[in-house]
Structures are given as C-alpha cells and as structure tokens.
Protein backbone atom coordinates (compact mmCIF):
# COMPACT_ATOMS: atom_id res chain seq x y z
CA MET A 1 -92.88 -3.16 15.50
CA GLU A 2 -91.18 -4.55 18.62
CA LEU A 3 -87.40 -4.27 18.96
CA GLU A 4 -87.00 -8.04 18.87
CA ASP A 5 -88.93 -8.19 15.59
CA ILE A 6 -86.77 -5.42 14.06
CA ILE A 7 -83.59 -7.23 15.10
CA ASN A 8 -84.84 -10.54 13.67
CA GLN A 9 -85.79 -8.80 10.43
CA ARG A 10 -82.32 -7.30 10.09
CA VAL A 11 -80.61 -10.59 10.94
CA ASN A 12 -82.65 -12.19 8.17
CA LYS A 13 -81.49 -9.46 5.77
CA ILE A 14 -77.90 -10.28 6.64
CA LYS A 15 -78.54 -13.95 5.87
CA SER A 16 -80.22 -13.00 2.59
CA LEU A 17 -77.22 -10.89 1.55
CA LYS A 18 -74.83 -13.71 2.35
CA ASP A 19 -76.99 -16.19 0.41
CA LYS A 20 -76.60 -13.88 -2.61
CA GLY A 21 -72.82 -13.85 -2.18
CA ILE A 22 -72.79 -10.28 -0.82
CA ASP A 23 -70.60 -9.59 2.19
CA PRO A 24 -72.51 -7.27 4.58
CA TYR A 25 -69.20 -6.40 6.32
CA PRO A 26 -66.62 -5.94 3.53
CA ARG A 27 -63.02 -5.00 4.29
CA LYS A 28 -62.58 -1.80 2.34
CA PHE A 29 -64.21 1.00 0.40
CA SER A 30 -62.31 3.68 -1.50
CA CYS A 31 -63.67 7.20 -0.96
CA SER A 32 -62.77 10.01 -3.34
CA ALA A 33 -63.27 12.53 -0.52
CA ASN A 34 -65.15 13.04 2.72
CA ILE A 35 -68.56 14.71 2.80
CA GLY A 36 -67.22 18.01 4.12
CA GLU A 37 -64.76 18.27 1.23
CA VAL A 38 -67.45 17.50 -1.33
CA LEU A 39 -69.78 20.16 0.11
CA ALA A 40 -66.96 22.72 0.17
CA ASP A 41 -65.82 22.04 -3.40
CA PHE A 42 -69.04 21.40 -5.32
CA LYS A 43 -68.78 20.91 -9.07
CA GLU A 44 -71.83 20.08 -11.16
CA ALA A 45 -71.77 16.49 -12.53
CA LYS A 46 -68.56 15.69 -10.65
CA THR A 47 -68.20 11.96 -9.93
CA VAL A 48 -67.69 11.11 -6.26
CA SER A 49 -67.52 8.04 -4.04
CA LEU A 50 -68.58 8.59 -0.44
CA ALA A 51 -69.19 6.50 2.66
CA GLY A 52 -71.21 7.16 5.77
CA ARG A 53 -74.14 6.16 7.97
CA LEU A 54 -77.64 6.29 6.45
CA VAL A 55 -79.55 8.67 8.72
CA ALA A 56 -82.69 9.48 6.72
CA LYS A 57 -84.71 7.89 3.93
CA ARG A 58 -87.70 9.27 2.05
CA GLY A 59 -89.31 7.13 -0.63
CA HIS A 60 -91.31 8.43 -3.60
CA GLY A 61 -92.42 5.43 -5.65
CA LYS A 62 -89.60 4.68 -8.06
CA ALA A 63 -87.36 7.42 -6.66
CA CYS A 64 -85.90 7.93 -3.22
CA PHE A 65 -84.10 10.71 -1.32
CA SER A 66 -81.90 9.88 1.66
CA ASN A 67 -79.02 11.27 3.70
CA ILE A 68 -75.71 9.88 4.84
CA GLN A 69 -73.32 11.46 7.34
CA ASP A 70 -69.68 11.03 8.24
CA GLN A 71 -67.44 12.86 10.71
CA THR A 72 -67.34 15.95 8.50
CA GLY A 73 -70.99 16.45 7.61
CA LYS A 74 -74.19 15.23 6.01
CA ILE A 75 -75.18 15.04 2.34
CA GLN A 76 -78.35 14.20 0.44
CA LEU A 77 -78.57 11.22 -1.90
CA TYR A 78 -80.99 10.65 -4.79
CA ILE A 79 -81.66 7.31 -6.43
CA LYS A 80 -84.07 6.57 -9.28
CA GLU A 81 -85.09 3.14 -10.55
CA ASP A 82 -85.08 4.22 -14.21
CA ASP A 83 -81.44 5.36 -13.90
CA ILE A 84 -79.96 2.59 -11.80
CA GLY A 85 -82.13 -0.41 -12.67
CA LYS A 86 -84.72 -2.33 -10.66
CA GLU A 87 -82.26 -4.72 -8.99
CA LYS A 88 -80.04 -2.00 -7.53
CA PHE A 89 -83.02 0.17 -6.67
CA ASP A 90 -84.69 -2.67 -4.74
CA PHE A 91 -81.36 -3.35 -3.04
CA PHE A 92 -81.20 0.27 -1.88
CA LYS A 93 -84.80 0.22 -0.67
CA ASP A 94 -83.87 -2.75 1.53
CA ILE A 95 -81.11 -0.80 3.27
CA ASP A 96 -82.06 0.34 6.78
CA ILE A 97 -81.48 3.63 8.57
CA GLY A 98 -78.36 3.14 10.66
CA ASP A 99 -76.56 1.01 8.05
CA ILE A 100 -73.17 2.24 6.90
CA ILE A 101 -73.00 2.36 3.12
CA GLY A 102 -70.71 3.34 0.31
CA ILE A 103 -72.08 5.11 -2.76
CA LYS A 104 -70.84 6.31 -6.11
CA GLY A 105 -72.56 8.95 -8.20
CA GLU A 106 -72.63 12.43 -9.68
CA LEU A 107 -73.16 15.75 -7.92
CA PHE A 108 -76.02 18.09 -8.72
CA LYS A 109 -78.17 20.67 -6.97
CA THR A 110 -81.89 20.29 -6.46
CA HIS A 111 -84.31 23.09 -7.34
CA THR A 112 -83.95 24.26 -3.73
CA GLY A 113 -80.19 24.48 -4.15
CA GLU A 114 -79.27 21.49 -1.96
CA ILE A 115 -76.12 19.63 -2.99
CA THR A 116 -77.08 16.05 -3.79
CA VAL A 117 -75.44 12.89 -5.12
CA LYS A 118 -77.29 11.05 -7.86
CA ILE A 119 -76.42 7.42 -7.07
CA ASN A 120 -75.30 5.00 -9.75
CA ASP A 121 -73.90 2.36 -7.39
CA VAL A 122 -74.37 1.44 -3.72
CA GLN A 123 -72.76 -1.03 -1.33
CA VAL A 124 -73.47 -2.04 2.26
CA LEU A 125 -70.33 -1.61 4.33
CA SER A 126 -71.73 -2.50 7.76
CA LYS A 127 -75.21 -3.85 8.32
CA ALA A 128 -76.67 -2.51 11.58
CA ILE A 129 -78.55 -5.14 13.57
CA LYS A 130 -79.97 -2.79 16.18
CA PRO A 131 -81.94 0.29 15.13
CA LEU A 132 -81.02 3.74 16.34
CA PRO A 133 -83.01 4.75 19.45
CA GLU A 134 -86.45 6.22 18.98
CA LYS A 135 -86.23 9.99 18.46
CA TRP A 136 -82.49 9.56 18.05
CA HIS A 137 -82.27 12.88 16.19
CA GLY A 138 -82.81 14.59 19.53
CA LEU A 139 -81.40 11.99 21.90
CA LYS A 140 -81.80 13.49 25.39
CA ASP A 141 -81.69 10.49 27.75
CA ILE A 142 -78.66 11.23 29.96
CA GLU A 143 -78.19 7.57 30.87
CA ILE A 144 -78.01 6.54 27.19
CA ARG A 145 -75.88 9.53 26.24
CA TYR A 146 -73.16 8.74 28.78
CA ARG A 147 -73.37 4.95 28.71
CA GLN A 148 -73.60 4.65 24.93
CA ARG A 149 -71.62 7.67 23.82
CA TYR A 150 -71.47 6.36 20.25
CA LEU A 151 -75.23 6.89 19.97
CA ASP A 152 -74.85 10.36 21.48
CA LEU A 153 -72.26 11.22 18.81
CA ILE A 154 -74.51 9.95 16.02
CA ALA A 155 -77.57 11.76 17.32
CA ASN A 156 -76.25 15.09 18.56
CA LYS A 157 -74.04 17.21 16.34
CA GLU A 158 -73.22 19.59 19.19
CA VAL A 159 -71.80 16.71 21.24
CA LYS A 160 -69.42 15.81 18.44
CA GLU A 161 -68.41 19.48 18.28
CA ILE A 162 -67.54 19.42 22.00
CA PHE A 163 -65.08 16.60 21.52
CA GLU A 164 -63.65 18.13 18.37
CA ALA A 165 -63.09 21.28 20.44
CA ARG A 166 -61.43 19.21 23.17
CA SER A 167 -58.98 17.81 20.62
CA LYS A 168 -58.22 21.32 19.34
CA ILE A 169 -57.67 22.58 22.89
CA ILE A 170 -55.13 19.85 23.63
CA GLY A 171 -53.48 20.38 20.25
CA PHE A 172 -53.12 24.11 20.92
CA ILE A 173 -51.57 23.46 24.34
CA ARG A 174 -49.03 21.08 22.84
CA LYS A 175 -48.02 23.54 20.13
CA PHE A 176 -47.83 26.46 22.58
CA LEU A 177 -45.46 24.59 24.89
CA ASP A 178 -43.46 23.00 22.06
CA ASP A 179 -42.89 26.44 20.55
CA LYS A 180 -41.53 27.64 23.90
CA GLY A 181 -38.97 24.84 24.02
CA TYR A 182 -40.76 22.45 26.36
CA LEU A 183 -40.26 18.72 25.88
CA GLU A 184 -43.29 16.44 26.05
CA VAL A 185 -42.57 13.34 28.14
CA GLU A 186 -44.34 10.29 29.54
CA THR A 187 -44.06 9.06 33.11
CA PRO A 188 -45.36 5.87 34.77
CA MET A 189 -49.05 5.33 35.33
CA LEU A 190 -48.31 2.30 37.52
CA GLN A 191 -46.37 3.38 40.59
CA PRO A 192 -45.10 1.46 43.62
CA ILE A 193 -45.81 4.47 45.87
CA PRO A 194 -48.52 6.96 44.85
CA GLY A 195 -47.49 10.56 45.43
CA GLY A 196 -47.41 14.10 44.15
CA ALA A 197 -50.91 14.97 45.35
CA ALA A 198 -53.40 14.27 48.10
CA GLY A 199 -55.79 11.57 46.98
CA ARG A 200 -56.84 7.96 47.52
CA PRO A 201 -55.30 5.74 44.82
CA PHE A 202 -56.58 2.72 42.95
CA LYS A 203 -54.64 -0.32 44.14
CA SER A 204 -53.62 -3.38 42.15
CA PHE A 205 -51.03 -6.19 42.30
CA HIS A 206 -48.15 -7.09 40.00
CA ASN A 207 -47.88 -10.87 39.81
CA GLU A 208 -44.35 -11.14 38.38
CA PHE A 209 -42.81 -8.74 40.91
CA ASP A 210 -45.08 -9.92 43.76
CA MET A 211 -45.79 -6.33 44.77
CA ASP A 212 -48.61 -3.85 45.22
CA VAL A 213 -48.89 -1.15 42.56
CA TYR A 214 -51.09 1.92 42.27
CA LEU A 215 -52.54 3.94 39.45
CA ARG A 216 -50.94 7.36 39.71
CA ILE A 217 -52.75 10.17 41.43
CA ALA A 218 -50.30 12.65 39.81
CA PRO A 219 -47.11 12.50 37.69
CA GLU A 220 -45.38 15.27 39.67
CA LEU A 221 -42.63 13.37 41.47
CA TYR A 222 -41.47 11.66 38.27
CA LEU A 223 -41.43 14.91 36.32
CA LYS A 224 -39.24 16.45 39.02
CA ARG A 225 -36.85 13.52 38.64
CA LEU A 226 -36.46 14.67 35.03
CA LEU A 227 -35.45 18.13 36.24
CA VAL A 228 -32.75 16.40 38.28
CA GLY A 229 -31.73 14.53 35.13
CA GLY A 230 -31.16 17.76 33.21
CA PHE A 231 -34.40 18.34 31.33
CA ASP A 232 -35.09 21.99 32.16
CA LYS A 233 -38.53 22.40 30.55
CA VAL A 234 -40.88 19.43 30.47
CA TYR A 235 -44.61 18.79 30.28
CA GLU A 236 -46.97 15.85 30.26
CA ILE A 237 -50.62 15.66 29.25
CA ASN A 238 -51.44 12.78 31.53
CA ARG A 239 -54.21 10.55 32.75
CA SER A 240 -54.42 10.41 36.52
CA PHE A 241 -56.73 8.55 38.88
CA ARG A 242 -58.36 9.22 42.25
CA ASN A 243 -60.41 6.54 44.00
CA GLU A 244 -62.80 9.10 45.43
CA GLY A 245 -66.19 10.71 44.91
CA VAL A 246 -67.92 11.36 41.62
CA SER A 247 -69.70 14.64 40.89
CA THR A 248 -70.28 17.17 38.14
CA ARG A 249 -66.66 18.32 38.77
CA HIS A 250 -64.96 15.02 39.57
CA ASN A 251 -64.35 11.83 37.59
CA PRO A 252 -62.15 9.02 38.94
CA GLU A 253 -60.09 9.11 35.72
CA PHE A 254 -59.15 12.57 34.51
CA THR A 255 -56.71 14.43 32.29
CA MET A 256 -54.12 16.86 33.61
CA LEU A 257 -51.46 19.06 32.07
CA GLU A 258 -48.34 19.29 34.22
CA VAL A 259 -45.53 21.69 33.27
CA TYR A 260 -42.16 22.15 34.99
CA THR A 261 -39.74 24.99 34.33
CA ALA A 262 -36.25 24.99 35.83
CA TYR A 263 -34.89 28.25 37.26
CA ALA A 264 -38.41 29.71 37.58
CA ASP A 265 -40.77 30.34 40.49
CA TYR A 266 -44.53 30.52 40.97
CA GLU A 267 -44.65 34.13 39.73
CA ASP A 268 -43.14 33.00 36.42
CA VAL A 269 -45.62 30.13 36.29
CA MET A 270 -48.49 32.55 36.94
CA LYS A 271 -47.42 34.52 33.86
CA LEU A 272 -47.08 31.31 31.82
CA THR A 273 -50.58 30.28 32.87
CA GLU A 274 -52.08 33.64 31.85
CA ASP A 275 -50.30 33.56 28.49
CA LEU A 276 -51.17 29.93 27.73
CA VAL A 277 -54.83 30.01 28.69
CA SER A 278 -55.70 33.48 27.36
CA SER A 279 -54.03 32.60 24.02
CA LEU A 280 -55.95 29.32 24.00
CA VAL A 281 -59.28 31.05 24.60
CA MET A 282 -58.60 33.56 21.83
CA SER A 283 -57.58 30.79 19.41
CA ILE A 284 -60.60 28.59 20.14
CA LYS A 285 -63.30 31.25 20.61
CA GLY A 286 -61.93 34.27 18.69
CA THR A 287 -62.44 36.51 21.73
CA THR A 288 -61.36 36.63 25.37
CA LYS A 289 -64.94 37.21 26.57
CA ILE A 290 -67.01 34.04 26.62
CA ASP A 291 -70.15 32.86 28.36
CA TYR A 292 -70.19 29.99 30.82
CA GLN A 293 -73.55 28.85 32.18
CA GLY A 294 -75.10 32.27 31.66
CA LYS A 295 -72.19 34.29 33.06
CA THR A 296 -69.63 36.22 31.00
CA ILE A 297 -65.97 35.58 31.81
CA ASP A 298 -63.24 37.88 30.57
CA TRP A 299 -60.02 35.87 30.13
CA ALA A 300 -57.86 38.84 29.11
CA PRO A 301 -54.80 39.15 31.38
CA PRO A 302 -53.75 40.31 33.85
CA TRP A 303 -56.01 38.22 36.10
CA ASP A 304 -57.09 39.14 39.59
CA ARG A 305 -55.20 37.97 42.68
CA ARG A 306 -56.48 37.39 46.19
CA SER A 307 -54.77 36.30 49.38
CA PHE A 308 -56.20 33.02 50.60
CA ALA A 309 -54.81 33.64 54.08
CA LYS A 310 -56.49 37.05 54.28
CA VAL A 311 -59.85 35.76 53.06
CA VAL A 312 -60.05 32.94 55.60
CA LYS A 313 -58.88 35.32 58.31
CA ASP A 314 -61.57 37.84 57.43
CA MET A 315 -64.35 35.25 57.01
CA PHE A 316 -63.56 32.75 59.75
CA ASP A 317 -60.75 34.24 61.87
CA ILE A 318 -58.63 31.22 60.86
CA ASN A 319 -54.86 31.64 61.07
CA PRO A 320 -52.21 29.57 59.27
CA ASP A 321 -50.76 28.32 62.57
CA ASP A 322 -54.11 27.26 64.06
CA GLU A 323 -54.44 23.60 65.02
CA ALA A 324 -57.01 21.62 63.02
CA LYS A 325 -59.28 21.42 66.05
CA VAL A 326 -59.20 25.20 66.40
CA MET A 327 -60.01 25.62 62.71
CA VAL A 328 -63.04 23.35 63.16
CA GLU A 329 -64.27 25.32 66.16
CA LYS A 330 -63.96 28.60 64.24
CA LEU A 331 -65.80 27.14 61.27
CA LYS A 332 -68.62 25.91 63.49
CA ALA A 333 -68.86 29.31 65.12
CA LYS A 334 -69.29 31.04 61.74
CA ARG A 335 -71.08 28.37 59.72
CA THR A 336 -73.12 26.13 62.00
CA HIS A 337 -74.73 24.29 59.07
CA ILE A 338 -71.41 22.82 57.95
CA ASP A 339 -71.06 19.14 58.77
CA VAL A 340 -67.59 18.99 60.36
CA THR A 341 -66.06 16.96 63.17
CA ASP A 342 -62.99 17.33 65.36
CA LYS A 343 -61.32 14.55 63.35
CA LEU A 344 -61.01 16.65 60.20
CA THR A 345 -57.50 17.30 58.95
CA ARG A 346 -56.28 20.76 58.04
CA SER A 347 -56.57 19.99 54.32
CA GLN A 348 -60.17 18.83 54.73
CA VAL A 349 -61.04 21.97 56.65
CA MET A 350 -59.48 24.15 54.00
CA LYS A 351 -61.35 22.24 51.28
CA ILE A 352 -64.59 23.26 52.97
CA VAL A 353 -63.40 26.84 52.99
CA GLU A 354 -62.38 26.66 49.32
CA ASP A 355 -65.80 25.31 48.35
CA MET A 356 -67.36 28.41 49.92
CA LEU A 357 -64.98 30.73 48.14
CA GLN A 358 -65.27 29.15 44.70
CA GLN A 359 -68.55 30.85 43.91
CA GLU A 360 -66.95 34.29 44.10
CA ALA A 361 -64.64 33.86 41.10
CA VAL A 362 -67.08 34.47 38.27
CA SER A 363 -66.44 37.39 35.92
CA LYS A 364 -62.67 36.98 35.61
CA PRO A 365 -60.12 34.26 36.37
CA LEU A 366 -58.86 34.57 39.93
CA PHE A 367 -55.51 33.52 41.38
CA PHE A 368 -55.68 32.57 45.05
CA ILE A 369 -52.22 33.06 46.55
CA ASP A 370 -50.82 32.88 50.11
CA TYR A 371 -51.85 29.31 50.87
CA PHE A 372 -50.80 27.87 54.21
CA SER A 373 -47.42 26.09 54.10
CA SER A 374 -48.87 23.31 56.25
CA LEU A 375 -51.25 22.51 53.37
CA SER A 376 -48.56 22.70 50.67
CA PRO A 377 -45.91 20.05 51.44
CA LEU A 378 -44.30 20.20 47.97
CA SER A 379 -44.01 23.98 47.84
CA LYS A 380 -41.33 26.43 48.98
CA LYS A 381 -42.28 28.67 51.89
CA LYS A 382 -42.46 32.42 51.42
CA LYS A 383 -39.23 34.08 52.47
CA ASP A 384 -40.94 36.87 54.37
CA ASN A 385 -43.57 34.60 56.01
CA PRO A 386 -42.73 30.87 56.33
CA LEU A 387 -46.31 30.11 57.41
CA LEU A 388 -47.39 30.81 53.80
CA ALA A 389 -46.38 28.99 50.63
CA GLU A 390 -45.24 30.21 47.23
CA ARG A 391 -48.30 28.65 45.68
CA PHE A 392 -51.38 29.64 43.71
CA GLU A 393 -54.61 28.04 42.64
CA LEU A 394 -56.61 29.35 39.68
CA PHE A 395 -60.40 29.56 39.97
CA VAL A 396 -62.76 30.36 37.11
CA ALA A 397 -66.55 30.50 37.54
CA GLY A 398 -66.33 28.46 40.72
CA LEU A 399 -64.10 25.77 39.21
CA GLU A 400 -60.57 25.12 40.42
CA ILE A 401 -58.59 24.95 37.16
CA ALA A 402 -54.92 25.05 38.12
CA ASN A 403 -52.50 24.54 40.99
CA ALA A 404 -48.86 25.68 41.00
CA TYR A 405 -45.83 26.05 43.24
CA SER A 406 -42.34 27.25 43.55
CA GLU A 407 -41.14 23.67 43.89
CA LEU A 408 -39.44 22.61 47.10
CA ASN A 409 -35.98 21.24 46.21
CA ASP A 410 -34.40 20.90 49.64
CA PRO A 411 -34.28 17.09 50.15
CA GLN A 412 -34.09 17.23 53.96
CA GLU A 413 -37.01 19.62 54.32
CA GLN A 414 -38.99 17.73 51.69
CA SER A 415 -38.52 14.42 53.51
CA LEU A 416 -39.63 15.94 56.80
CA ARG A 417 -42.72 17.63 55.35
CA LEU A 418 -43.85 14.52 53.46
CA LYS A 419 -43.57 12.47 56.65
CA GLU A 420 -45.65 15.04 58.52
CA GLU A 421 -48.27 14.98 55.78
CA ILE A 422 -48.55 11.18 55.83
CA GLU A 423 -48.95 11.15 59.61
CA ALA A 424 -51.81 13.67 59.31
CA ARG A 425 -53.64 11.63 56.68
CA ASP A 426 -56.16 8.90 57.31
CA ASN A 427 -55.14 6.88 54.26
CA PRO A 428 -54.05 3.24 54.70
CA ASP A 429 -52.60 3.09 51.17
CA ILE A 430 -50.06 5.88 51.71
CA LYS A 431 -47.99 5.08 54.77
CA LYS A 432 -44.49 5.74 53.48
CA ILE A 433 -42.81 8.40 51.43
CA ASP A 434 -41.12 7.90 48.08
CA GLU A 435 -37.51 7.52 49.21
CA ASP A 436 -36.30 7.26 45.61
CA PHE A 437 -37.71 10.75 44.97
CA ILE A 438 -35.92 12.10 48.04
CA GLU A 439 -32.70 10.45 46.84
CA ALA A 440 -33.14 12.12 43.45
CA LEU A 441 -33.41 15.50 45.20
CA GLU A 442 -30.18 14.70 47.05
CA TYR A 443 -28.39 14.77 43.70
CA GLY A 444 -29.65 18.32 43.23
CA MET A 445 -32.84 19.58 41.56
CA PRO A 446 -32.69 23.13 40.19
CA PRO A 447 -35.14 25.71 41.52
CA ALA A 448 -38.29 25.33 39.46
CA GLY A 449 -41.89 26.35 39.01
CA GLY A 450 -44.47 23.63 38.53
CA LEU A 451 -47.99 23.90 37.12
CA GLY A 452 -50.95 21.56 36.94
CA ILE A 453 -54.05 22.40 34.85
CA GLY A 454 -57.21 20.30 34.81
CA ILE A 455 -57.92 19.70 31.12
CA ASP A 456 -61.43 18.37 31.65
CA ARG A 457 -62.56 21.41 33.63
CA LEU A 458 -60.88 23.75 31.16
CA VAL A 459 -62.83 22.07 28.34
CA MET A 460 -66.03 22.46 30.39
CA LEU A 461 -65.45 26.21 30.54
CA LEU A 462 -64.60 26.61 26.86
CA THR A 463 -67.53 24.52 25.64
CA ASP A 464 -70.07 25.81 28.21
CA GLN A 465 -70.79 22.38 29.72
CA PRO A 466 -72.17 22.02 33.27
CA SER A 467 -70.79 18.54 34.01
CA ILE A 468 -67.39 16.92 33.62
CA LYS A 469 -69.18 13.88 32.15
CA ASP A 470 -70.16 16.05 29.17
CA VAL A 471 -66.51 16.52 28.16
CA ILE A 472 -65.22 12.98 28.79
CA LEU A 473 -66.05 10.57 26.00
CA PHE A 474 -66.57 7.57 28.25
CA PRO A 475 -67.00 8.66 31.90
CA LEU A 476 -66.94 5.94 34.53
CA LEU A 477 -70.49 4.95 35.42
CA LYS A 478 -71.99 2.56 37.91
CA GLN A 479 -72.71 -0.78 36.28
CA LYS A 480 -76.28 -1.41 35.27
CA GLU A 481 -78.07 -3.92 37.45
CA GLU A 482 -78.54 -7.30 35.85
CA GLN A 483 -81.91 -7.81 34.26
CA GLU A 484 -83.93 -10.43 36.10
C-alpha cells in the first residue's frame, strides 16, 4: 500500500472515531505505573493500567498478542474476543502500529514465562496519521535518524540509552560540584560583545535597544565578573555557539561546563579535572578502563602530562617567540602537504599542529601544558618563562576535552593582550574589547583557576560514539531542498 493510501486510511479512522463520539486525542489517562515498574514488580493477576506506543501486533483469529513501549520498557499485551466482547475486540483490531494507547488489564505469564497484560479495556490516546518508517525496528538511515530524532528514539533502544546516559553524566557533574561547595549560575546568552574564546559568533539585532547582539561563544567573562562580585566557586553548564564549520567533532551549538575557583591556579584545576572526570567514569561505567572506537582508555589518575612547547620544538623547530610567518615556513619545511599560507595567524598555525598531535593521546588522558602565552590571552604567564602560559588542554583519544588557565586578573595586562589578540584576528564581528569586563577587573578579581569541559565530546567518549551528532538530540542540519 502506498504511503498516501495509508495516511488516507488513518485519517478516515480518525473521522470514524469522532463520528462515534470517541476523541482520538483525549486529554488524560491515569497510569497505575510505568512499564519498567510493572516488569520489576510482577504479581500474578495484579490489575494495572498502562500507556505507551503500540509497536507490534500479531493476530490469531479471535485473539491477538501485541506490544506497547514507553520510556522505561516494552510489555506484551493479550486480548481475546470471548473475554472482552466483540465490540472492544474489533476496536482493538482497528488500532494501528504507531498509535499511542492506554490499556487496563491483569498481569499473567505465558507458558514461555513472558510477563503479559490480559486486556479488559483499551483507549486510543493519540492516533498516528503517518506510519513508522519501513524496517523501523532497525532504523539505520543517518539522514532520518538525525533529522527526525523522535523516530530514531522509537526505533533504536541504544539511541535512547545514549541520551539517558547523557542526562546521568550531567546530573553527576552537578552533584559533584554542588557537594564541593560550587554555586551553579546562569550568565547571558545574548551579549553585546562576544568574548571569552576565539570563535566567529552568530549575529543578531535587538529592535528595542537598536543594537547588534551576539549569541555567546563562551560564558567566561561573565563568570569572572561573579568572582569579582564575591562568588568564590561558581560553575555553569551552558549552551554556547560558534558560527563555524561542522564536523564529527564540531556542532554550531554545543554544551560546555565552565568552572571557576577563586584562590586556585591551573595545577589545582588539573587535580579537580582528574577527580571529577575519573569519578564520573567510575560512576557511569563501573570501571576506569573503557573502550572508545576499539581502543581502551584508562581514566585512572594521575594522567600523563606533556609539554606543548617541547613537542612543537622537537617536531617542527617552532619556538614560542617565532613570528607567524616563521612558523608557517617551518611547518612547510616539515609537512609540505599541509595547506597553509603566509596569512595564517599564530592560533591557526597552532591549531594545525594540535590536529597532528591529537592522534597520539589514545590509551590514557593527556594534559598538554606549556602553551605559548601569545596564544593564551586570558591566562597568566609562567613565572619562570613568560613566553609560556599557565594553561593546559586535556586530550583523550584524539579529542580535545578541556581547556584551563590560571586566570589573568591584572586589568592593565588583560586590556593590552585582548587588544593585541583582536588586531591579529581576521574577524569583522570582534573589533573591540569588552571594556565592562576590564572595568570589573579594575575593582579586583581574586587569583583563580578556570576550567572548560566540552560536555558533548565527553559524552561521545563515555558512550562510544564516533560523531558529535550522535550525542546531540537535535543537531543543526542543512535544510532539505524544497521538493519540486
């Protein structure tokens, strides 16, 4: 049967129900429990009322087996004409796979031991007009899975488990930080000047104020204002936005954890990161050794450390005080296949280097330390070597997971370094620094350690998913072309 015919048939069923005075979209249904609770606490002949989506139907003359599922599980139903009467039995036979129904009945076990509900009443709670996709039990079409995530969740149990795990991961992080005395806060998503990270923002316009506004690329500068205001330990699980490329590791809208601790430095933050993430892995997986894309990662601390400055010196003879043009020439000399030009900024050059190095961090989390100060405008410089910053980035299985600093709190130096960074960037949307942030620093911000962790990538690692789209419920996709 063609899709159009199926839809017309179901629309006619809706009209038929309404003609009989039956509402195919009623307002409420009272459940005695969810399916998971019923399966966990089975009692023979216990009366239950359950609701869920009809996902299977097997007719046997005047008796019928079927299955419904809700968020917690799936259960078998049994209905028999002699028990329920012809009218109700015919009504049930007319229900389609994909419809959401409510049932009442008694529990029993079949001869194979399967927990089943013997139906004595049934009600349509939402009549589905469109059928589930063909072979929906094993829905594999990537385009459908991402674009119509609701079908993916219906069809693939493991997908639902990924997002349940994501919720547990975020819940664990919140509890961990709350228990350590951190305060969860919220900072603006619309900002007059985007800052706190290098990235191209999404631009909009506020009609009432007659001003340009930007979706935040990071909450960092506002969280530091809170340190000035006297909150010593704060965190935000935030949505941030970058108007840049899309890949298996990048989505324009993403979730970050940012944590700020007054009177701490990046060494303290490194310890916090090890404690938080290793405890998270143990809580979620029950072990610190887990597989990611065929490789075993041991999350047990302490984690390895490596000097970024030493690695790029050894590999490319690049020094922290080299001009960008010199860095490019050295890269070309060592890696002629790299597509670079003399117009590349230092940060772009170092991103190329980082991409090469990412593949090395496989069997254990790896802290890269000793980043160049010129690439870290929000970080304190190392006391014994001002060319290097008190900064680390965390890499796991080739993914950059975290970035952290000893936060720069000298307002004069911060103003100067932000101006230098803006001049080096080719970004028309960021041409001035956030003077209000500099003014806040002038009132005095305590020394602090700051941490940013990419939640989406962390979830990828803990659920063994190869793409960031697999751990975001509704990733941004290119619009489908209009049908001619």
